[in-house]
Amino acid sequence: DTDRRLECTPFEDRKQKGLTIIVSRRHRSAETEAFIAQYDEPKFIQLGSSLKFTKIAENEAHIYPRLAPTCEWDTAAPHLIVTEAGGSVVQCGRCDREGNLIEGEDWQRVLAEERPVLYNKEDDLNPFFIAYGKRTIKPANS
């Protein structure tokens, strides 16, 4: 059906067992592992490129943590797809082009602020981010 609208299935963030988390084949940093450790019995999908976002919009996954460098052109279009399907893409710390957090950045503190990833910046480098499907339980700070 070509008229079908993508819509993320609601889930209870950090409360629901067995959520599907999409991970990069090549970018599993210590920060990524620490993020994943917050979830109870997650399932994993490994994919390359921006297909990770579409799996969230198509309800094949719930979460995509990207704690490694990307640029605006890598994420702008798939970010829109996830957002239109009811999900969100939030920042979790600025990094340099090698994937190191900028000194003084705490990815967990930044993530708790729930700030969306922004575009058309002077520097095309994205911050670390987490793409979520539709969460039914709001973060503790909201």
N, C-alpha and C. Protein backbone atom coordinates (compact mmCIF):
# COMPACT_ATOMS: atom_id res chain seq x y z
N ASP A 1 0.85 -1.18 0.00
CA ASP A 1 0.00 0.00 0.00
C ASP A 1 0.90 1.24 0.00
N THR A 2 0.84 2.03 -1.05
CA THR A 2 1.71 3.19 -1.17
C THR A 2 1.25 4.37 -0.32
N ASP A 3 0.01 4.33 0.17
CA ASP A 3 -0.51 5.42 0.99
C ASP A 3 -0.28 5.21 2.48
N ARG A 4 0.36 4.11 2.85
CA ARG A 4 0.59 3.81 4.26
C ARG A 4 1.59 4.80 4.85
N ARG A 5 1.23 5.39 5.98
CA ARG A 5 2.11 6.32 6.69
C ARG A 5 2.95 5.54 7.68
N LEU A 6 4.25 5.83 7.73
CA LEU A 6 5.11 5.22 8.73
C LEU A 6 4.76 5.78 10.10
N GLU A 7 4.69 4.90 11.09
CA GLU A 7 4.42 5.35 12.45
C GLU A 7 5.13 4.42 13.42
N CYS A 8 5.95 5.01 14.27
CA CYS A 8 6.67 4.23 15.27
C CYS A 8 5.70 3.65 16.28
N THR A 9 5.91 2.41 16.66
CA THR A 9 5.11 1.77 17.70
C THR A 9 5.57 2.29 19.06
N PRO A 10 4.65 2.70 19.93
CA PRO A 10 5.05 3.19 21.25
C PRO A 10 5.74 2.11 22.08
N PHE A 11 6.69 2.53 22.89
CA PHE A 11 7.37 1.63 23.82
C PHE A 11 7.74 2.38 25.08
N GLU A 12 7.96 1.64 26.16
CA GLU A 12 8.31 2.23 27.45
C GLU A 12 9.82 2.23 27.60
N ASP A 13 10.44 3.39 27.39
CA ASP A 13 11.89 3.51 27.44
C ASP A 13 12.44 3.08 28.80
N ARG A 14 13.41 2.19 28.80
CA ARG A 14 14.11 1.65 29.96
C ARG A 14 13.22 0.85 30.91
N LYS A 15 11.95 0.69 30.61
CA LYS A 15 11.06 -0.10 31.45
C LYS A 15 10.72 -1.43 30.77
N GLN A 16 10.76 -1.43 29.47
CA GLN A 16 10.31 -2.58 28.69
C GLN A 16 11.49 -3.51 28.39
N LYS A 17 11.34 -4.80 28.69
CA LYS A 17 12.39 -5.79 28.38
C LYS A 17 12.41 -6.07 26.89
N GLY A 18 13.60 -6.41 26.41
CA GLY A 18 13.73 -6.92 25.05
C GLY A 18 13.58 -5.90 23.94
N LEU A 19 13.82 -4.62 24.23
CA LEU A 19 13.76 -3.62 23.15
C LEU A 19 14.84 -3.92 22.12
N THR A 20 14.57 -3.57 20.89
CA THR A 20 15.54 -3.79 19.82
C THR A 20 16.37 -2.53 19.64
N ILE A 21 17.68 -2.69 19.75
CA ILE A 21 18.62 -1.58 19.62
C ILE A 21 19.46 -1.83 18.36
N ILE A 22 19.55 -0.82 17.53
CA ILE A 22 20.36 -0.92 16.32
C ILE A 22 21.76 -0.44 16.65
N VAL A 23 22.74 -1.21 16.26
CA VAL A 23 24.13 -0.85 16.52
C VAL A 23 24.91 -0.82 15.21
N SER A 24 25.91 0.00 15.18
CA SER A 24 26.77 0.11 14.02
C SER A 24 27.71 -1.09 13.95
N ARG A 25 28.02 -1.50 12.76
CA ARG A 25 28.98 -2.61 12.60
C ARG A 25 30.38 -2.20 13.03
N ARG A 26 30.71 -0.91 12.90
CA ARG A 26 32.08 -0.48 13.15
C ARG A 26 32.27 0.50 14.30
N HIS A 27 31.19 0.99 14.89
CA HIS A 27 31.33 2.07 15.88
C HIS A 27 30.69 1.69 17.21
N ARG A 28 31.30 0.76 17.95
CA ARG A 28 30.81 0.35 19.27
C ARG A 28 31.78 0.90 20.32
N SER A 29 31.59 2.15 20.66
CA SER A 29 32.46 2.81 21.63
C SER A 29 32.10 2.41 23.06
N ALA A 30 32.96 2.80 24.00
CA ALA A 30 32.68 2.56 25.42
C ALA A 30 31.40 3.28 25.83
N GLU A 31 31.17 4.47 25.27
CA GLU A 31 29.95 5.22 25.57
C GLU A 31 28.71 4.47 25.05
N THR A 32 28.84 3.88 23.87
CA THR A 32 27.72 3.11 23.31
C THR A 32 27.41 1.92 24.21
N GLU A 33 28.44 1.22 24.64
CA GLU A 33 28.23 0.06 25.52
C GLU A 33 27.60 0.48 26.85
N ALA A 34 28.00 1.63 27.39
CA ALA A 34 27.42 2.13 28.64
C ALA A 34 25.94 2.48 28.44
N PHE A 35 25.61 3.06 27.30
CA PHE A 35 24.21 3.38 27.00
C PHE A 35 23.39 2.10 26.92
N ILE A 36 23.86 1.12 26.18
CA ILE A 36 23.14 -0.14 25.99
C ILE A 36 22.94 -0.87 27.33
N ALA A 37 23.91 -0.74 28.23
CA ALA A 37 23.84 -1.43 29.53
C ALA A 37 22.65 -0.98 30.37
N GLN A 38 22.02 0.14 30.04
CA GLN A 38 20.85 0.64 30.78
C GLN A 38 19.58 -0.15 30.47
N TYR A 39 19.62 -1.00 29.46
CA TYR A 39 18.42 -1.70 28.99
C TYR A 39 18.44 -3.16 29.42
N ASP A 40 17.24 -3.70 29.66
CA ASP A 40 17.06 -5.06 30.15
C ASP A 40 16.85 -6.01 28.97
N GLU A 41 17.78 -6.91 28.78
CA GLU A 41 17.72 -7.95 27.76
C GLU A 41 17.43 -7.41 26.35
N PRO A 42 18.22 -6.42 25.89
CA PRO A 42 17.95 -5.88 24.56
C PRO A 42 18.27 -6.90 23.46
N LYS A 43 17.60 -6.73 22.34
CA LYS A 43 17.91 -7.48 21.12
C LYS A 43 18.69 -6.52 20.24
N PHE A 44 19.49 -7.05 19.33
CA PHE A 44 20.33 -6.20 18.50
C PHE A 44 20.13 -6.46 17.02
N ILE A 45 20.23 -5.38 16.24
CA ILE A 45 20.31 -5.44 14.79
C ILE A 45 21.58 -4.69 14.43
N GLN A 46 22.41 -5.27 13.58
CA GLN A 46 23.61 -4.58 13.11
C GLN A 46 23.39 -4.18 11.66
N LEU A 47 23.59 -2.90 11.37
CA LEU A 47 23.41 -2.36 10.03
C LEU A 47 24.44 -1.28 9.77
N GLY A 48 24.68 -1.02 8.51
CA GLY A 48 25.49 0.12 8.12
C GLY A 48 24.58 1.25 7.65
N SER A 49 25.12 2.42 7.50
CA SER A 49 24.51 3.61 6.92
C SER A 49 23.22 4.07 7.60
N SER A 50 22.50 4.93 6.92
CA SER A 50 21.30 5.54 7.50
C SER A 50 20.10 4.60 7.50
N LEU A 51 20.27 3.37 7.07
CA LEU A 51 19.18 2.39 7.15
C LEU A 51 18.72 2.19 8.59
N LYS A 52 19.60 2.47 9.54
CA LYS A 52 19.26 2.30 10.96
C LYS A 52 18.03 3.13 11.33
N PHE A 53 17.96 4.35 10.82
CA PHE A 53 16.82 5.22 11.11
C PHE A 53 15.52 4.64 10.54
N THR A 54 15.59 4.11 9.33
CA THR A 54 14.37 3.60 8.70
C THR A 54 13.84 2.39 9.44
N LYS A 55 14.71 1.59 10.05
CA LYS A 55 14.25 0.44 10.83
C LYS A 55 13.42 0.90 12.03
N ILE A 56 13.74 2.05 12.59
CA ILE A 56 12.94 2.61 13.68
C ILE A 56 11.59 3.06 13.13
N ALA A 57 11.59 3.79 12.03
CA ALA A 57 10.34 4.28 11.44
C ALA A 57 9.44 3.13 10.98
N GLU A 58 10.03 2.01 10.61
CA GLU A 58 9.27 0.85 10.15
C GLU A 58 8.93 -0.14 11.27
N ASN A 59 9.23 0.23 12.51
CA ASN A 59 8.93 -0.59 13.69
C ASN A 59 9.72 -1.88 13.77
N GLU A 60 10.87 -1.93 13.17
CA GLU A 60 11.73 -3.10 13.29
C GLU A 60 12.77 -2.93 14.38
N ALA A 61 12.85 -1.72 14.94
CA ALA A 61 13.78 -1.42 16.03
C ALA A 61 13.20 -0.26 16.84
N HIS A 62 13.72 -0.08 18.06
CA HIS A 62 13.25 0.97 18.96
C HIS A 62 14.25 2.10 19.14
N ILE A 63 15.55 1.78 19.14
CA ILE A 63 16.58 2.74 19.55
C ILE A 63 17.82 2.58 18.68
N TYR A 64 18.43 3.70 18.32
CA TYR A 64 19.71 3.70 17.62
C TYR A 64 20.65 4.67 18.32
N PRO A 65 21.57 4.17 19.16
CA PRO A 65 22.56 5.06 19.77
C PRO A 65 23.74 5.27 18.82
N ARG A 66 24.10 6.51 18.57
CA ARG A 66 25.27 6.79 17.73
C ARG A 66 26.21 7.69 18.53
N LEU A 67 27.14 7.06 19.21
CA LEU A 67 28.13 7.78 19.99
C LEU A 67 29.47 7.67 19.27
N ALA A 68 29.44 8.10 18.04
CA ALA A 68 30.59 8.15 17.13
C ALA A 68 30.28 9.25 16.12
N PRO A 69 31.30 9.79 15.46
CA PRO A 69 31.06 10.96 14.60
C PRO A 69 30.22 10.66 13.35
N THR A 70 29.36 11.62 13.03
CA THR A 70 28.61 11.66 11.77
C THR A 70 28.54 13.13 11.36
N CYS A 71 28.15 13.37 10.13
CA CYS A 71 27.96 14.74 9.65
C CYS A 71 26.50 14.96 9.28
N GLU A 72 26.12 16.22 9.12
CA GLU A 72 24.73 16.56 8.83
C GLU A 72 24.17 15.79 7.64
N TRP A 73 24.95 15.66 6.58
CA TRP A 73 24.43 14.99 5.38
C TRP A 73 24.16 13.50 5.61
N ASP A 74 24.76 12.94 6.66
CA ASP A 74 24.51 11.53 7.00
C ASP A 74 23.15 11.34 7.65
N THR A 75 22.65 12.37 8.33
CA THR A 75 21.51 12.18 9.22
C THR A 75 20.30 13.07 8.96
N ALA A 76 20.43 14.13 8.19
CA ALA A 76 19.31 15.08 8.05
C ALA A 76 18.04 14.42 7.50
N ALA A 77 18.14 13.73 6.38
CA ALA A 77 16.95 13.11 5.79
C ALA A 77 16.39 11.98 6.66
N PRO A 78 17.23 11.04 7.13
CA PRO A 78 16.67 9.99 7.98
C PRO A 78 16.13 10.52 9.31
N HIS A 79 16.70 11.61 9.82
CA HIS A 79 16.17 12.25 11.04
C HIS A 79 14.73 12.68 10.79
N LEU A 80 14.48 13.29 9.65
CA LEU A 80 13.13 13.72 9.30
C LEU A 80 12.17 12.54 9.23
N ILE A 81 12.62 11.44 8.66
CA ILE A 81 11.77 10.24 8.54
C ILE A 81 11.37 9.72 9.92
N VAL A 82 12.33 9.62 10.84
CA VAL A 82 12.04 9.15 12.19
C VAL A 82 11.09 10.12 12.90
N THR A 83 11.33 11.40 12.78
CA THR A 83 10.48 12.40 13.42
C THR A 83 9.05 12.34 12.88
N GLU A 84 8.90 12.25 11.57
CA GLU A 84 7.56 12.17 10.97
C GLU A 84 6.83 10.90 11.38
N ALA A 85 7.57 9.85 11.71
CA ALA A 85 6.96 8.59 12.16
C ALA A 85 6.65 8.61 13.66
N GLY A 86 6.96 9.71 14.34
CA GLY A 86 6.64 9.83 15.76
C GLY A 86 7.81 9.65 16.70
N GLY A 87 9.00 9.47 16.16
CA GLY A 87 10.19 9.29 16.98
C GLY A 87 10.91 10.60 17.24
N SER A 88 12.12 10.49 17.76
CA SER A 88 12.93 11.68 18.05
C SER A 88 14.41 11.33 17.91
N VAL A 89 15.22 12.37 17.69
CA VAL A 89 16.68 12.22 17.62
C VAL A 89 17.26 13.29 18.53
N VAL A 90 17.86 12.85 19.65
CA VAL A 90 18.34 13.79 20.66
C VAL A 90 19.85 13.72 20.84
N GLN A 91 20.40 14.86 21.20
CA GLN A 91 21.85 14.98 21.39
C GLN A 91 22.30 14.27 22.65
N CYS A 92 23.56 13.77 22.60
CA CYS A 92 24.15 13.24 23.83
C CYS A 92 25.65 13.53 23.87
N GLY A 93 26.02 14.77 23.60
CA GLY A 93 27.40 15.21 23.75
C GLY A 93 28.10 15.52 22.44
N ARG A 94 28.87 16.59 22.44
CA ARG A 94 29.64 16.97 21.26
C ARG A 94 30.93 16.17 21.20
N CYS A 95 31.35 15.87 19.97
CA CYS A 95 32.58 15.09 19.79
C CYS A 95 33.46 15.76 18.75
N ASP A 96 34.70 15.29 18.68
CA ASP A 96 35.58 15.75 17.61
C ASP A 96 35.47 14.78 16.43
N ARG A 97 36.17 15.05 15.37
CA ARG A 97 36.06 14.23 14.15
C ARG A 97 36.61 12.81 14.32
N GLU A 98 37.37 12.58 15.38
CA GLU A 98 37.86 11.23 15.67
C GLU A 98 36.91 10.45 16.59
N GLY A 99 35.84 11.10 17.04
CA GLY A 99 34.86 10.42 17.88
C GLY A 99 35.11 10.53 19.37
N ASN A 100 35.97 11.45 19.78
CA ASN A 100 36.22 11.68 21.20
C ASN A 100 35.29 12.77 21.71
N LEU A 101 34.70 12.56 22.88
CA LEU A 101 33.89 13.61 23.48
C LEU A 101 34.74 14.85 23.69
N ILE A 102 34.15 16.02 23.44
CA ILE A 102 34.83 17.28 23.71
C ILE A 102 35.06 17.36 25.21
N GLU A 103 36.22 17.83 25.60
CA GLU A 103 36.56 17.91 27.03
C GLU A 103 35.47 18.64 27.80
N GLY A 104 35.05 18.06 28.90
CA GLY A 104 34.02 18.65 29.73
C GLY A 104 32.61 18.18 29.40
N GLU A 105 32.44 17.48 28.29
CA GLU A 105 31.12 16.98 27.90
C GLU A 105 30.83 15.68 28.66
N ASP A 106 29.64 15.56 29.17
CA ASP A 106 29.17 14.35 29.84
C ASP A 106 27.97 13.87 29.03
N TRP A 107 28.13 12.79 28.27
CA TRP A 107 27.08 12.37 27.34
C TRP A 107 25.77 12.06 28.06
N GLN A 108 25.83 11.53 29.29
CA GLN A 108 24.61 11.20 30.02
C GLN A 108 23.86 12.46 30.46
N ARG A 109 24.59 13.47 30.89
CA ARG A 109 23.96 14.74 31.28
C ARG A 109 23.30 15.40 30.07
N VAL A 110 24.03 15.44 28.95
CA VAL A 110 23.49 16.06 27.74
C VAL A 110 22.26 15.29 27.26
N LEU A 111 22.30 13.97 27.29
CA LEU A 111 21.16 13.16 26.87
C LEU A 111 19.93 13.46 27.73
N ALA A 112 20.12 13.64 29.02
CA ALA A 112 19.00 13.92 29.93
C ALA A 112 18.32 15.25 29.61
N GLU A 113 19.01 16.15 28.91
CA GLU A 113 18.43 17.45 28.54
C GLU A 113 17.44 17.33 27.38
N GLU A 114 17.46 16.20 26.66
CA GLU A 114 16.49 15.95 25.58
C GLU A 114 16.50 17.01 24.49
N ARG A 115 17.67 17.51 24.12
CA ARG A 115 17.76 18.52 23.06
C ARG A 115 17.83 17.83 21.70
N PRO A 116 17.03 18.26 20.73
CA PRO A 116 17.10 17.63 19.41
C PRO A 116 18.41 17.97 18.70
N VAL A 117 18.82 17.09 17.81
CA VAL A 117 19.98 17.37 16.95
C VAL A 117 19.57 18.51 16.03
N LEU A 118 20.45 19.49 15.86
CA LEU A 118 20.18 20.66 15.03
C LEU A 118 21.01 20.61 13.75
N TYR A 119 20.54 21.31 12.73
CA TYR A 119 21.20 21.33 11.43
C TYR A 119 21.49 22.76 10.98
N ASN A 120 22.22 22.88 9.86
CA ASN A 120 22.62 24.17 9.28
C ASN A 120 23.52 24.95 10.23
N LYS A 121 24.40 24.21 10.93
CA LYS A 121 25.36 24.83 11.83
C LYS A 121 26.60 25.24 11.02
N GLU A 122 27.45 26.03 11.62
CA GLU A 122 28.69 26.42 10.96
C GLU A 122 29.58 25.20 10.71
N ASP A 123 29.62 24.29 11.67
CA ASP A 123 30.38 23.04 11.54
C ASP A 123 29.38 21.93 11.22
N ASP A 124 29.63 21.15 10.17
CA ASP A 124 28.69 20.11 9.76
C ASP A 124 28.77 18.84 10.60
N LEU A 125 29.67 18.78 11.58
CA LEU A 125 29.80 17.62 12.44
C LEU A 125 28.62 17.56 13.42
N ASN A 126 27.97 16.41 13.49
CA ASN A 126 26.88 16.21 14.44
C ASN A 126 27.43 15.92 15.83
N PRO A 127 26.61 16.17 16.86
CA PRO A 127 26.96 15.65 18.18
C PRO A 127 26.66 14.16 18.21
N PHE A 128 27.12 13.45 19.24
CA PHE A 128 26.62 12.10 19.48
C PHE A 128 25.10 12.24 19.60
N PHE A 129 24.37 11.18 19.27
CA PHE A 129 22.92 11.26 19.38
C PHE A 129 22.32 9.89 19.63
N ILE A 130 21.05 9.91 20.07
CA ILE A 130 20.24 8.70 20.20
C ILE A 130 18.97 8.95 19.39
N ALA A 131 18.67 8.03 18.47
CA ALA A 131 17.40 8.07 17.74
C ALA A 131 16.46 7.09 18.44
N TYR A 132 15.28 7.57 18.79
CA TYR A 132 14.29 6.75 19.47
C TYR A 132 13.04 6.64 18.61
N GLY A 133 12.34 5.52 18.74
CA GLY A 133 10.99 5.43 18.23
C GLY A 133 10.10 6.22 19.18
N LYS A 134 8.84 5.92 19.21
CA LYS A 134 7.88 6.66 20.04
C LYS A 134 7.91 6.14 21.48
N ARG A 135 8.51 6.94 22.37
CA ARG A 135 8.57 6.57 23.79
C ARG A 135 7.30 6.98 24.50
N THR A 136 6.73 6.09 25.31
CA THR A 136 5.51 6.41 26.04
C THR A 136 5.79 6.94 27.44
N ILE A 137 6.96 6.64 27.95
CA ILE A 137 7.34 7.17 29.26
C ILE A 137 8.38 8.26 29.02
N LYS A 138 8.05 9.44 29.47
CA LYS A 138 8.95 10.56 29.27
C LYS A 138 10.18 10.41 30.16
N PRO A 139 11.31 11.00 29.72
CA PRO A 139 12.52 10.98 30.54
C PRO A 139 12.28 11.63 31.90
N ALA A 140 13.13 11.29 32.85
CA ALA A 140 12.98 11.74 34.24
C ALA A 140 12.94 13.26 34.37
N ASN A 141 13.62 13.99 33.48
CA ASN A 141 13.69 15.45 33.61
C ASN A 141 12.50 16.16 33.01
N SER A 142 11.54 15.46 32.38
CA SER A 142 10.43 16.18 31.75
C SER A 142 9.17 16.13 32.57
